[in-house]
Amino acid sequence: MQTLLALYNVNDHKKAVQLLFRALMESSSDEWIHSYRRAITFYIDHIDEVW
């Protein structure tokens, strides 16, 4: 968690959010999150793109 906050504080928001999503994907047991795993994983790698 400290890494996420440190990245955010040095204005590396993209990397902080990517790490946050990866941590969520690895640790969550929520069925909704798991049902959207493929989409969320894709979004992590394309977080700055606008669709």
PDB file of N, CA and C in Angstrom:
ATOM      1  N   MET A   1       0.821  -1.192   0.000  1.00  0.00           N
ATOM      2  CA  MET A   1       0.000   0.000   0.000  1.00  0.00           C
ATOM      3  C   MET A   1       0.865   1.256   0.000  1.00  0.00           C
ATOM      4  N   GLN A   2       1.977   1.231   0.704  1.00  0.00           N
ATOM      5  CA  GLN A   2       2.837   2.412   0.754  1.00  0.00           C
ATOM      6  C   GLN A   2       3.365   2.768  -0.627  1.00  0.00           C
ATOM      7  N   THR A   3       3.650   1.738  -1.432  1.00  0.00           N
ATOM      8  CA  THR A   3       4.128   1.989  -2.788  1.00  0.00           C
ATOM      9  C   THR A   3       3.078   2.732  -3.597  1.00  0.00           C
ATOM     10  N   LEU A   4       1.827   2.311  -3.466  1.00  0.00           N
ATOM     11  CA  LEU A   4       0.743   2.979  -4.197  1.00  0.00           C
ATOM     12  C   LEU A   4       0.644   4.442  -3.806  1.00  0.00           C
ATOM     13  N   LEU A   5       0.682   4.697  -2.521  1.00  0.00           N
ATOM     14  CA  LEU A   5       0.583   6.075  -2.042  1.00  0.00           C
ATOM     15  C   LEU A   5       1.792   6.901  -2.467  1.00  0.00           C
ATOM     16  N   ALA A   6       2.971   6.295  -2.426  1.00  0.00           N
ATOM     17  CA  ALA A   6       4.180   7.007  -2.839  1.00  0.00           C
ATOM     18  C   ALA A   6       4.115   7.356  -4.324  1.00  0.00           C
ATOM     19  N   LEU A   7       3.693   6.422  -5.144  1.00  0.00           N
ATOM     20  CA  LEU A   7       3.557   6.693  -6.576  1.00  0.00           C
ATOM     21  C   LEU A   7       2.542   7.799  -6.826  1.00  0.00           C
ATOM     22  N   TYR A   8       1.448   7.743  -6.133  1.00  0.00           N
ATOM     23  CA  TYR A   8       0.428   8.781  -6.277  1.00  0.00           C
ATOM     24  C   TYR A   8       0.978  10.147  -5.865  1.00  0.00           C
ATOM     25  N   ASN A   9       1.714  10.179  -4.771  1.00  0.00           N
ATOM     26  CA  ASN A   9       2.257  11.440  -4.262  1.00  0.00           C
ATOM     27  C   ASN A   9       3.315  12.057  -5.170  1.00  0.00           C
ATOM     28  N   VAL A  10       3.983  11.241  -5.979  1.00  0.00           N
ATOM     29  CA  VAL A  10       4.963  11.792  -6.919  1.00  0.00           C
ATOM     30  C   VAL A  10       4.357  11.935  -8.317  1.00  0.00           C
ATOM     31  N   ASN A  11       3.014  11.984  -8.343  1.00  0.00           N
ATOM     32  CA  ASN A  11       2.245  12.211  -9.572  1.00  0.00           C
ATOM     33  C   ASN A  11       2.373  11.112 -10.621  1.00  0.00           C
ATOM     34  N   ASP A  12       2.687   9.900 -10.173  1.00  0.00           N
ATOM     35  CA  ASP A  12       2.670   8.757 -11.097  1.00  0.00           C
ATOM     36  C   ASP A  12       1.337   8.036 -10.901  1.00  0.00           C
ATOM     37  N   HIS A  13       0.263   8.760 -11.223  1.00  0.00           N
ATOM     38  CA  HIS A  13      -1.090   8.270 -10.975  1.00  0.00           C
ATOM     39  C   HIS A  13      -1.401   7.015 -11.777  1.00  0.00           C
ATOM     40  N   LYS A  14      -0.939   6.972 -13.007  1.00  0.00           N
ATOM     41  CA  LYS A  14      -1.207   5.817 -13.859  1.00  0.00           C
ATOM     42  C   LYS A  14      -0.670   4.538 -13.222  1.00  0.00           C
ATOM     43  N   LYS A  15       0.576   4.544 -12.819  1.00  0.00           N
ATOM     44  CA  LYS A  15       1.190   3.358 -12.225  1.00  0.00           C
ATOM     45  C   LYS A  15       0.509   2.994 -10.904  1.00  0.00           C
ATOM     46  N   ALA A  16       0.149   3.987 -10.107  1.00  0.00           N
ATOM     47  CA  ALA A  16      -0.527   3.732  -8.833  1.00  0.00           C
ATOM     48  C   ALA A  16      -1.867   3.032  -9.063  1.00  0.00           C
ATOM     49  N   VAL A  17      -2.638   3.509 -10.023  1.00  0.00           N
ATOM     50  CA  VAL A  17      -3.940   2.910 -10.305  1.00  0.00           C
ATOM     51  C   VAL A  17      -3.767   1.511 -10.890  1.00  0.00           C
ATOM     52  N   GLN A  18      -2.779   1.330 -11.753  1.00  0.00           N
ATOM     53  CA  GLN A  18      -2.534   0.002 -12.309  1.00  0.00           C
ATOM     54  C   GLN A  18      -2.192  -0.995 -11.204  1.00  0.00           C
ATOM     55  N   LEU A  19      -1.328  -0.614 -10.278  1.00  0.00           N
ATOM     56  CA  LEU A  19      -0.976  -1.497  -9.173  1.00  0.00           C
ATOM     57  C   LEU A  19      -2.174  -1.773  -8.276  1.00  0.00           C
ATOM     58  N   LEU A  20      -2.992  -0.768  -8.068  1.00  0.00           N
ATOM     59  CA  LEU A  20      -4.183  -0.935  -7.246  1.00  0.00           C
ATOM     60  C   LEU A  20      -5.138  -1.949  -7.877  1.00  0.00           C
ATOM     61  N   PHE A  21      -5.374  -1.825  -9.175  1.00  0.00           N
ATOM     62  CA  PHE A  21      -6.240  -2.778  -9.861  1.00  0.00           C
ATOM     63  C   PHE A  21      -5.660  -4.184  -9.838  1.00  0.00           C
ATOM     64  N   ARG A  22      -4.351  -4.302 -10.032  1.00  0.00           N
ATOM     65  CA  ARG A  22      -3.724  -5.633  -9.989  1.00  0.00           C
ATOM     66  C   ARG A  22      -3.871  -6.262  -8.599  1.00  0.00           C
ATOM     67  N   ALA A  23      -3.683  -5.468  -7.566  1.00  0.00           N
ATOM     68  CA  ALA A  23      -3.841  -5.976  -6.204  1.00  0.00           C
ATOM     69  C   ALA A  23      -5.286  -6.419  -5.974  1.00  0.00           C
ATOM     70  N   LEU A  24      -6.226  -5.650  -6.466  1.00  0.00           N
ATOM     71  CA  LEU A  24      -7.631  -5.999  -6.349  1.00  0.00           C
ATOM     72  C   LEU A  24      -7.917  -7.322  -7.055  1.00  0.00           C
ATOM     73  N   MET A  25      -7.410  -7.470  -8.264  1.00  0.00           N
ATOM     74  CA  MET A  25      -7.636  -8.694  -9.030  1.00  0.00           C
ATOM     75  C   MET A  25      -7.044  -9.912  -8.328  1.00  0.00           C
ATOM     76  N   GLU A  26      -5.906  -9.755  -7.700  1.00  0.00           N
ATOM     77  CA  GLU A  26      -5.236 -10.878  -7.050  1.00  0.00           C
ATOM     78  C   GLU A  26      -5.848 -11.239  -5.703  1.00  0.00           C
ATOM     79  N   SER A  27      -6.448 -10.285  -5.029  1.00  0.00           N
ATOM     80  CA  SER A  27      -6.882 -10.544  -3.657  1.00  0.00           C
ATOM     81  C   SER A  27      -8.392 -10.662  -3.460  1.00  0.00           C
ATOM     82  N   SER A  28      -9.170 -10.239  -4.435  1.00  0.00           N
ATOM     83  CA  SER A  28     -10.619 -10.211  -4.254  1.00  0.00           C
ATOM     84  C   SER A  28     -11.252 -11.588  -4.454  1.00  0.00           C
ATOM     85  N   SER A  29     -12.257 -11.861  -3.659  1.00  0.00           N
ATOM     86  CA  SER A  29     -13.060 -13.067  -3.848  1.00  0.00           C
ATOM     87  C   SER A  29     -14.456 -12.698  -4.361  1.00  0.00           C
ATOM     88  N   ASP A  30     -14.638 -11.442  -4.723  1.00  0.00           N
ATOM     89  CA  ASP A  30     -15.926 -10.963  -5.206  1.00  0.00           C
ATOM     90  C   ASP A  30     -16.241 -11.569  -6.577  1.00  0.00           C
ATOM     91  N   GLU A  31     -17.430 -12.158  -6.701  1.00  0.00           N
ATOM     92  CA  GLU A  31     -17.814 -12.806  -7.957  1.00  0.00           C
ATOM     93  C   GLU A  31     -17.941 -11.825  -9.114  1.00  0.00           C
ATOM     94  N   TRP A  32     -18.447 -10.615  -8.843  1.00  0.00           N
ATOM     95  CA  TRP A  32     -18.593  -9.616  -9.905  1.00  0.00           C
ATOM     96  C   TRP A  32     -17.230  -9.272 -10.486  1.00  0.00           C
ATOM     97  N   ILE A  33     -16.252  -9.062  -9.620  1.00  0.00           N
ATOM     98  CA  ILE A  33     -14.901  -8.734 -10.089  1.00  0.00           C
ATOM     99  C   ILE A  33     -14.353  -9.877 -10.920  1.00  0.00           C
ATOM    100  N   HIS A  34     -14.542 -11.093 -10.465  1.00  0.00           N
ATOM    101  CA  HIS A  34     -14.043 -12.243 -11.221  1.00  0.00           C
ATOM    102  C   HIS A  34     -14.769 -12.416 -12.548  1.00  0.00           C
ATOM    103  N   SER A  35     -16.028 -12.045 -12.604  1.00  0.00           N
ATOM    104  CA  SER A  35     -16.759 -12.168 -13.870  1.00  0.00           C
ATOM    105  C   SER A  35     -16.275 -11.144 -14.899  1.00  0.00           C
ATOM    106  N   TYR A  36     -15.696 -10.052 -14.430  1.00  0.00           N
ATOM    107  CA  TYR A  36     -15.158  -9.020 -15.332  1.00  0.00           C
ATOM    108  C   TYR A  36     -13.625  -9.035 -15.380  1.00  0.00           C
ATOM    109  N   ARG A  37     -13.038 -10.114 -14.927  1.00  0.00           N
ATOM    110  CA  ARG A  37     -11.575 -10.223 -14.830  1.00  0.00           C
ATOM    111  C   ARG A  37     -10.877  -9.903 -16.159  1.00  0.00           C
ATOM    112  N   ARG A  38     -11.366 -10.483 -17.221  1.00  0.00           N
ATOM    113  CA  ARG A  38     -10.735 -10.279 -18.534  1.00  0.00           C
ATOM    114  C   ARG A  38     -10.794  -8.809 -18.957  1.00  0.00           C
ATOM    115  N   ALA A  39     -11.936  -8.172 -18.786  1.00  0.00           N
ATOM    116  CA  ALA A  39     -12.094  -6.761 -19.155  1.00  0.00           C
ATOM    117  C   ALA A  39     -11.246  -5.855 -18.259  1.00  0.00           C
ATOM    118  N   ILE A  40     -11.246  -6.133 -16.958  1.00  0.00           N
ATOM    119  CA  ILE A  40     -10.466  -5.313 -16.030  1.00  0.00           C
ATOM    120  C   ILE A  40      -8.981  -5.448 -16.325  1.00  0.00           C
ATOM    121  N   THR A  41      -8.535  -6.668 -16.583  1.00  0.00           N
ATOM    122  CA  THR A  41      -7.124  -6.897 -16.911  1.00  0.00           C
ATOM    123  C   THR A  41      -6.737  -6.138 -18.184  1.00  0.00           C
ATOM    124  N   PHE A  42      -7.603  -6.151 -19.189  1.00  0.00           N
ATOM    125  CA  PHE A  42      -7.353  -5.395 -20.413  1.00  0.00           C
ATOM    126  C   PHE A  42      -7.254  -3.902 -20.105  1.00  0.00           C
ATOM    127  N   TYR A  43      -8.192  -3.417 -19.312  1.00  0.00           N
ATOM    128  CA  TYR A  43      -8.234  -1.992 -18.965  1.00  0.00           C
ATOM    129  C   TYR A  43      -6.972  -1.551 -18.223  1.00  0.00           C
ATOM    130  N   ILE A  44      -6.443  -2.403 -17.366  1.00  0.00           N
ATOM    131  CA  ILE A  44      -5.222  -2.073 -16.620  1.00  0.00           C
ATOM    132  C   ILE A  44      -4.107  -1.680 -17.587  1.00  0.00           C
ATOM    133  N   ASP A  45      -3.971  -2.426 -18.663  1.00  0.00           N
ATOM    134  CA  ASP A  45      -2.890  -2.165 -19.629  1.00  0.00           C
ATOM    135  C   ASP A  45      -3.208  -1.036 -20.597  1.00  0.00           C
ATOM    136  N   HIS A  46      -4.441  -0.561 -20.616  1.00  0.00           N
ATOM    137  CA  HIS A  46      -4.857   0.500 -21.547  1.00  0.00           C
ATOM    138  C   HIS A  46      -5.565   1.628 -20.798  1.00  0.00           C
ATOM    139  N   ILE A  47      -5.112   1.902 -19.607  1.00  0.00           N
ATOM    140  CA  ILE A  47      -5.822   2.785 -18.681  1.00  0.00           C
ATOM    141  C   ILE A  47      -5.953   4.238 -19.180  1.00  0.00           C
ATOM    142  N   ASP A  48      -5.047   4.687 -20.015  1.00  0.00           N
ATOM    143  CA  ASP A  48      -5.100   6.050 -20.508  1.00  0.00           C
ATOM    144  C   ASP A  48      -5.873   6.202 -21.818  1.00  0.00           C
ATOM    145  N   GLU A  49      -6.290   5.089 -22.395  1.00  0.00           N
ATOM    146  CA  GLU A  49      -6.996   5.166 -23.659  1.00  0.00           C
ATOM    147  C   GLU A  49      -8.467   5.527 -23.444  1.00  0.00           C
ATOM    148  N   VAL A  50      -9.020   6.235 -24.402  1.00  0.00           N
ATOM    149  CA  VAL A  50     -10.427   6.624 -24.352  1.00  0.00           C
ATOM    150  C   VAL A  50     -11.140   5.864 -25.454  1.00  0.00           C
ATOM    151  N   TRP A  51     -12.252   5.265 -25.117  1.00  0.00           N
ATOM    152  CA  TRP A  51     -12.984   4.440 -26.093  1.00  0.00           C
ATOM    153  C   TRP A  51     -14.187   5.149 -26.615  1.00  0.00           C
TER     154      TRP A  51
END
